Amino acid sequence: MSANAKDRPATASWEIREATAQDWAAIWEILEPVIRAGETFTWDRDTTEDQARAKWFKTVPGRTFVAVGTGRFDGVVLGTGELHANQGGGGSHVANAGYMVRAGYGGQGVARALCAYSLDAARAAGFRAMQFNAVVESNVRAVAAWQAMGFEILATIPEAFRHPQLGYVGLHVMYRKL
């Protein structure tokens, strides 16, 4: 089933669940355009599907999850997220996560819901905090969403991200306790 912007309901509804191998095709439909655009993630723009799958699917205590549409778009994967330890060893008590939303569904709260899900999952897995290492400062909608969810900008690394249209922009390090 395709879910494009013209067919989208005024307000999408969804349920979030753990991703399965059967979800990969829908997840890749979301990841690939974001990766290729090179505007919000630090991944190489030529990342292959196999590389993306290996990077996105996490092992315990990490998790990969999806927001699946309900109602009119029952079963359509609207967004996806992943959660993992930010560092190993002495830093393994701090989580890290990433989220991507299907084109046409931005601004409806899917990313915030994925973030809330990951915060709960991180807490349940015993993490004490969550840190985002590289939030592109020009991604103002994401920055505002994460701040509204209790994250603070600890630092901005100047010109640490090469945006395809804006040139060199900063990367925020954002953090919140769980």
C-alpha atoms as a PDB file:
ATOM      1  CA  MET A   1       0.000   0.000   0.000  1.00  0.00           C
ATOM      2  CA  SER A   2       1.409   3.407  -0.871  1.00  0.00           C
ATOM      3  CA  ALA A   3       1.046   6.361   1.440  1.00  0.00           C
ATOM      4  CA  ASN A   4       1.725   9.633  -0.279  1.00  0.00           C
ATOM      5  CA  ALA A   5       1.001  13.153   0.909  1.00  0.00           C
ATOM      6  CA  LYS A   6      -2.149  13.641  -1.198  1.00  0.00           C
ATOM      7  CA  ASP A   7      -3.698  10.459   0.249  1.00  0.00           C
ATOM      8  CA  ARG A   8      -2.653  11.194   3.811  1.00  0.00           C
ATOM      9  CA  PRO A   9      -5.347  11.743   6.420  1.00  0.00           C
ATOM     10  CA  ALA A  10      -5.427  15.155   8.114  1.00  0.00           C
ATOM     11  CA  THR A  11      -4.041  13.544  11.258  1.00  0.00           C
ATOM     12  CA  ALA A  12      -2.311  10.213  10.973  1.00  0.00           C
ATOM     13  CA  SER A  13      -2.744   7.655  13.733  1.00  0.00           C
ATOM     14  CA  TRP A  14      -0.319   4.857  14.479  1.00  0.00           C
ATOM     15  CA  GLU A  15       0.919   2.234  16.876  1.00  0.00           C
ATOM     16  CA  ILE A  16       4.584   1.701  17.649  1.00  0.00           C
ATOM     17  CA  ARG A  17       6.018  -1.800  17.829  1.00  0.00           C
ATOM     18  CA  GLU A  18       9.298  -3.645  17.481  1.00  0.00           C
ATOM     19  CA  ALA A  19      10.430  -3.937  13.867  1.00  0.00           C
ATOM     20  CA  THR A  20      10.644  -7.329  12.211  1.00  0.00           C
ATOM     21  CA  ALA A  21      12.637  -8.527   9.202  1.00  0.00           C
ATOM     22  CA  GLN A  22       9.388  -8.266   7.205  1.00  0.00           C
ATOM     23  CA  ASP A  23       9.340  -4.501   7.858  1.00  0.00           C
ATOM     24  CA  TRP A  24      12.660  -3.910   6.103  1.00  0.00           C
ATOM     25  CA  ALA A  25      11.268  -2.978   2.659  1.00  0.00           C
ATOM     26  CA  ALA A  26       9.051  -0.285   4.209  1.00  0.00           C
ATOM     27  CA  ILE A  27      11.871   0.933   6.462  1.00  0.00           C
ATOM     28  CA  TRP A  28      14.214   1.219   3.473  1.00  0.00           C
ATOM     29  CA  GLU A  29      11.551   3.287   1.645  1.00  0.00           C
ATOM     30  CA  ILE A  30      11.846   5.757   4.530  1.00  0.00           C
ATOM     31  CA  LEU A  31      15.614   5.636   5.078  1.00  0.00           C
ATOM     32  CA  GLU A  32      16.811   5.823   1.491  1.00  0.00           C
ATOM     33  CA  PRO A  33      15.456   9.294   0.587  1.00  0.00           C
ATOM     34  CA  VAL A  34      16.665  10.736   3.905  1.00  0.00           C
ATOM     35  CA  ILE A  35      20.126   9.253   3.418  1.00  0.00           C
ATOM     36  CA  ARG A  36      20.342  10.377  -0.220  1.00  0.00           C
ATOM     37  CA  ALA A  37      19.229  13.941   0.629  1.00  0.00           C
ATOM     38  CA  GLY A  38      22.107  14.263   3.089  1.00  0.00           C
ATOM     39  CA  GLU A  39      20.406  17.050   5.049  1.00  0.00           C
ATOM     40  CA  THR A  40      19.747  15.556   8.486  1.00  0.00           C
ATOM     41  CA  PHE A  41      21.817  12.399   9.038  1.00  0.00           C
ATOM     42  CA  THR A  42      25.590  11.988   9.094  1.00  0.00           C
ATOM     43  CA  TRP A  43      25.463   8.811   7.010  1.00  0.00           C
ATOM     44  CA  ASP A  44      27.308   8.646   3.701  1.00  0.00           C
ATOM     45  CA  ARG A  45      24.869   9.586   0.943  1.00  0.00           C
ATOM     46  CA  ASP A  46      25.912   6.524  -1.066  1.00  0.00           C
ATOM     47  CA  THR A  47      25.129   4.065   1.759  1.00  0.00           C
ATOM     48  CA  THR A  48      23.863   0.834   0.213  1.00  0.00           C
ATOM     49  CA  GLU A  49      20.698  -0.922   1.283  1.00  0.00           C
ATOM     50  CA  ASP A  50      22.711  -3.741   2.887  1.00  0.00           C
ATOM     51  CA  GLN A  51      24.876  -1.256   4.801  1.00  0.00           C
ATOM     52  CA  ALA A  52      21.792   0.630   5.977  1.00  0.00           C
ATOM     53  CA  ARG A  53      20.091  -2.542   7.157  1.00  0.00           C
ATOM     54  CA  ALA A  54      23.175  -3.623   9.104  1.00  0.00           C
ATOM     55  CA  LYS A  55      23.422  -0.178  10.687  1.00  0.00           C
ATOM     56  CA  TRP A  56      19.715   0.350  11.450  1.00  0.00           C
ATOM     57  CA  PHE A  57      18.789  -3.037  12.937  1.00  0.00           C
ATOM     58  CA  LYS A  58      20.123  -3.248  16.497  1.00  0.00           C
ATOM     59  CA  THR A  59      20.741  -6.104  18.902  1.00  0.00           C
ATOM     60  CA  VAL A  60      19.741  -6.201  22.583  1.00  0.00           C
ATOM     61  CA  PRO A  61      19.840  -3.987  24.576  1.00  0.00           C
ATOM     62  CA  GLY A  62      19.347  -1.977  21.396  1.00  0.00           C
ATOM     63  CA  ARG A  63      16.079  -2.043  19.513  1.00  0.00           C
ATOM     64  CA  THR A  64      14.601  -1.140  16.167  1.00  0.00           C
ATOM     65  CA  PHE A  65      10.965  -0.123  16.013  1.00  0.00           C
ATOM     66  CA  VAL A  66       8.322   1.193  13.639  1.00  0.00           C
ATOM     67  CA  ALA A  67       5.272   3.442  13.791  1.00  0.00           C
ATOM     68  CA  VAL A  68       2.594   1.588  11.844  1.00  0.00           C
ATOM     69  CA  GLY A  69      -0.492   3.403  10.614  1.00  0.00           C
ATOM     70  CA  THR A  70      -3.925   2.484  11.882  1.00  0.00           C
ATOM     71  CA  GLY A  71      -7.334   3.164  10.395  1.00  0.00           C
ATOM     72  CA  ARG A  72      -7.241   4.210   6.750  1.00  0.00           C
ATOM     73  CA  PHE A  73      -3.519   3.459   6.415  1.00  0.00           C
ATOM     74  CA  ASP A  74      -3.557   0.297   8.476  1.00  0.00           C
ATOM     75  CA  GLY A  75      -0.201  -1.415   8.174  1.00  0.00           C
ATOM     76  CA  VAL A  76       1.717   1.428   6.453  1.00  0.00           C
ATOM     77  CA  VAL A  77       5.053   2.063   8.172  1.00  0.00           C
ATOM     78  CA  LEU A  78       4.995   5.832   8.816  1.00  0.00           C
ATOM     79  CA  GLY A  79       8.288   6.062  10.676  1.00  0.00           C
ATOM     80  CA  THR A  80      11.082   4.081  12.228  1.00  0.00           C
ATOM     81  CA  GLY A  81      13.551   4.420  15.047  1.00  0.00           C
ATOM     82  CA  GLU A  82      16.508   2.673  16.556  1.00  0.00           C
ATOM     83  CA  LEU A  83      17.974   2.674  20.053  1.00  0.00           C
ATOM     84  CA  HIS A  84      21.420   1.553  21.206  1.00  0.00           C
ATOM     85  CA  ALA A  85      24.140   2.273  23.749  1.00  0.00           C
ATOM     86  CA  ASN A  86      25.900   5.527  22.896  1.00  0.00           C
ATOM     87  CA  GLN A  87      29.298   4.097  23.887  1.00  0.00           C
ATOM     88  CA  GLY A  88      30.662   0.828  25.175  1.00  0.00           C
ATOM     89  CA  GLY A  89      32.255   0.020  28.514  1.00  0.00           C
ATOM     90  CA  GLY A  90      32.017   2.809  31.066  1.00  0.00           C
ATOM     91  CA  GLY A  91      29.719   4.816  28.770  1.00  0.00           C
ATOM     92  CA  SER A  92      27.230   2.043  28.057  1.00  0.00           C
ATOM     93  CA  HIS A  93      24.649   3.392  30.520  1.00  0.00           C
ATOM     94  CA  VAL A  94      23.814   6.283  28.146  1.00  0.00           C
ATOM     95  CA  ALA A  95      21.522   5.536  25.212  1.00  0.00           C
ATOM     96  CA  ASN A  96      21.525   6.997  21.722  1.00  0.00           C
ATOM     97  CA  ALA A  97      18.722   6.846  19.169  1.00  0.00           C
ATOM     98  CA  GLY A  98      17.729   7.934  15.688  1.00  0.00           C
ATOM     99  CA  TYR A  99      14.397   8.381  13.952  1.00  0.00           C
ATOM    100  CA  MET A 100      13.170   8.812  10.393  1.00  0.00           C
ATOM    101  CA  VAL A 101       9.651   9.564   9.175  1.00  0.00           C
ATOM    102  CA  ARG A 102       8.071   8.688   5.827  1.00  0.00           C
ATOM    103  CA  ALA A 103       7.971  11.615   3.388  1.00  0.00           C
ATOM    104  CA  GLY A 104       4.660  13.445   3.681  1.00  0.00           C
ATOM    105  CA  TYR A 105       4.133  12.575   7.352  1.00  0.00           C
ATOM    106  CA  GLY A 106       6.458  15.110   8.969  1.00  0.00           C
ATOM    107  CA  GLY A 107       4.978  17.517  11.478  1.00  0.00           C
ATOM    108  CA  GLN A 108       2.284  15.113  12.684  1.00  0.00           C
ATOM    109  CA  GLY A 109       4.069  13.903  15.797  1.00  0.00           C
ATOM    110  CA  VAL A 110       5.413  10.601  14.458  1.00  0.00           C
ATOM    111  CA  ALA A 111       9.041  11.456  15.335  1.00  0.00           C
ATOM    112  CA  ARG A 112       8.056  12.662  18.799  1.00  0.00           C
ATOM    113  CA  ALA A 113       6.109   9.449  19.385  1.00  0.00           C
ATOM    114  CA  LEU A 114       9.119   7.393  18.242  1.00  0.00           C
ATOM    115  CA  CYS A 115      11.326   9.401  20.593  1.00  0.00           C
ATOM    116  CA  ALA A 116       8.921   8.906  23.525  1.00  0.00           C
ATOM    117  CA  TYR A 117       8.844   5.180  22.776  1.00  0.00           C
ATOM    118  CA  SER A 118      12.648   5.037  22.739  1.00  0.00           C
ATOM    119  CA  LEU A 119      12.902   6.962  26.023  1.00  0.00           C
ATOM    120  CA  ASP A 120      10.589   4.429  27.687  1.00  0.00           C
ATOM    121  CA  ALA A 121      12.473   1.514  26.111  1.00  0.00           C
ATOM    122  CA  ALA A 122      15.826   2.970  27.186  1.00  0.00           C
ATOM    123  CA  ARG A 123      14.595   3.422  30.750  1.00  0.00           C
ATOM    124  CA  ALA A 124      13.263  -0.157  30.783  1.00  0.00           C
ATOM    125  CA  ALA A 125      16.616  -1.448  29.477  1.00  0.00           C
ATOM    126  CA  GLY A 126      18.442   0.242  32.355  1.00  0.00           C
ATOM    127  CA  PHE A 127      19.914   3.247  30.556  1.00  0.00           C
ATOM    128  CA  ARG A 128      20.274   6.348  32.747  1.00  0.00           C
ATOM    129  CA  ALA A 129      20.273   9.032  30.053  1.00  0.00           C
ATOM    130  CA  MET A 130      19.957   9.596  26.325  1.00  0.00           C
ATOM    131  CA  GLN A 131      22.375  11.575  24.196  1.00  0.00           C
ATOM    132  CA  PHE A 132      22.080  12.644  20.580  1.00  0.00           C
ATOM    133  CA  ASN A 133      25.598  13.151  19.224  1.00  0.00           C
ATOM    134  CA  ALA A 134      24.819  14.862  15.941  1.00  0.00           C
ATOM    135  CA  VAL A 135      21.600  16.862  15.555  1.00  0.00           C
ATOM    136  CA  VAL A 136      22.074  19.086  12.518  1.00  0.00           C
ATOM    137  CA  GLU A 137      21.424  22.654  13.689  1.00  0.00           C
ATOM    138  CA  SER A 138      19.576  23.546  10.470  1.00  0.00           C
ATOM    139  CA  ASN A 139      17.053  20.770  11.233  1.00  0.00           C
ATOM    140  CA  VAL A 140      15.116  23.249  13.352  1.00  0.00           C
ATOM    141  CA  ARG A 141      11.945  21.152  13.577  1.00  0.00           C
ATOM    142  CA  ALA A 142      13.869  18.242  15.111  1.00  0.00           C
ATOM    143  CA  VAL A 143      15.837  20.514  17.447  1.00  0.00           C
ATOM    144  CA  ALA A 144      12.596  22.074  18.709  1.00  0.00           C
ATOM    145  CA  ALA A 145      10.940  18.653  19.097  1.00  0.00           C
ATOM    146  CA  TRP A 146      13.817  17.244  21.129  1.00  0.00           C
ATOM    147  CA  GLN A 147      13.980  20.356  23.314  1.00  0.00           C
ATOM    148  CA  ALA A 148      10.226  20.057  23.943  1.00  0.00           C
ATOM    149  CA  MET A 149      10.893  16.474  25.060  1.00  0.00           C
ATOM    150  CA  GLY A 150      13.405  17.587  27.680  1.00  0.00           C
ATOM    151  CA  PHE A 151      16.679  17.445  25.747  1.00  0.00           C
ATOM    152  CA  GLU A 152      19.102  20.308  26.139  1.00  0.00           C
ATOM    153  CA  ILE A 153      21.825  21.406  23.779  1.00  0.00           C
ATOM    154  CA  LEU A 154      25.093  20.800  25.599  1.00  0.00           C
ATOM    155  CA  ALA A 155      27.332  21.997  22.790  1.00  0.00           C
ATOM    156  CA  THR A 156      27.319  22.879  19.136  1.00  0.00           C
ATOM    157  CA  ILE A 157      30.302  21.807  17.076  1.00  0.00           C
ATOM    158  CA  PRO A 158      30.708  24.593  14.504  1.00  0.00           C
ATOM    159  CA  GLU A 159      30.720  23.615  10.843  1.00  0.00           C
ATOM    160  CA  ALA A 160      30.786  19.897  11.720  1.00  0.00           C
ATOM    161  CA  PHE A 161      28.172  18.971   9.095  1.00  0.00           C
ATOM    162  CA  ARG A 162      28.377  19.650   5.365  1.00  0.00           C
ATOM    163  CA  HIS A 163      24.801  20.329   4.269  1.00  0.00           C
ATOM    164  CA  PRO A 164      24.274  19.905   0.503  1.00  0.00           C
ATOM    165  CA  GLN A 165      22.538  23.301   0.144  1.00  0.00           C
ATOM    166  CA  LEU A 166      23.589  25.341   3.179  1.00  0.00           C
ATOM    167  CA  GLY A 167      27.255  24.414   3.280  1.00  0.00           C
ATOM    168  CA  TYR A 168      28.931  23.900   6.635  1.00  0.00           C
ATOM    169  CA  VAL A 169      26.542  24.041   9.606  1.00  0.00           C
ATOM    170  CA  GLY A 170      26.870  23.042  13.233  1.00  0.00           C
ATOM    171  CA  LEU A 171      26.016  19.771  14.934  1.00  0.00           C
ATOM    172  CA  HIS A 172      24.323  19.876  18.319  1.00  0.00           C
ATOM    173  CA  VAL A 173      25.083  17.423  21.091  1.00  0.00           C
ATOM    174  CA  MET A 174      21.781  17.029  22.959  1.00  0.00           C
ATOM    175  CA  TYR A 175      21.177  15.223  26.263  1.00  0.00           C
ATOM    176  CA  ARG A 176      18.548  14.350  28.822  1.00  0.00           C
ATOM    177  CA  LYS A 177      18.438  12.232  31.939  1.00  0.00           C
ATOM    178  CA  LEU A 178      16.016   9.347  32.084  1.00  0.00           C
END
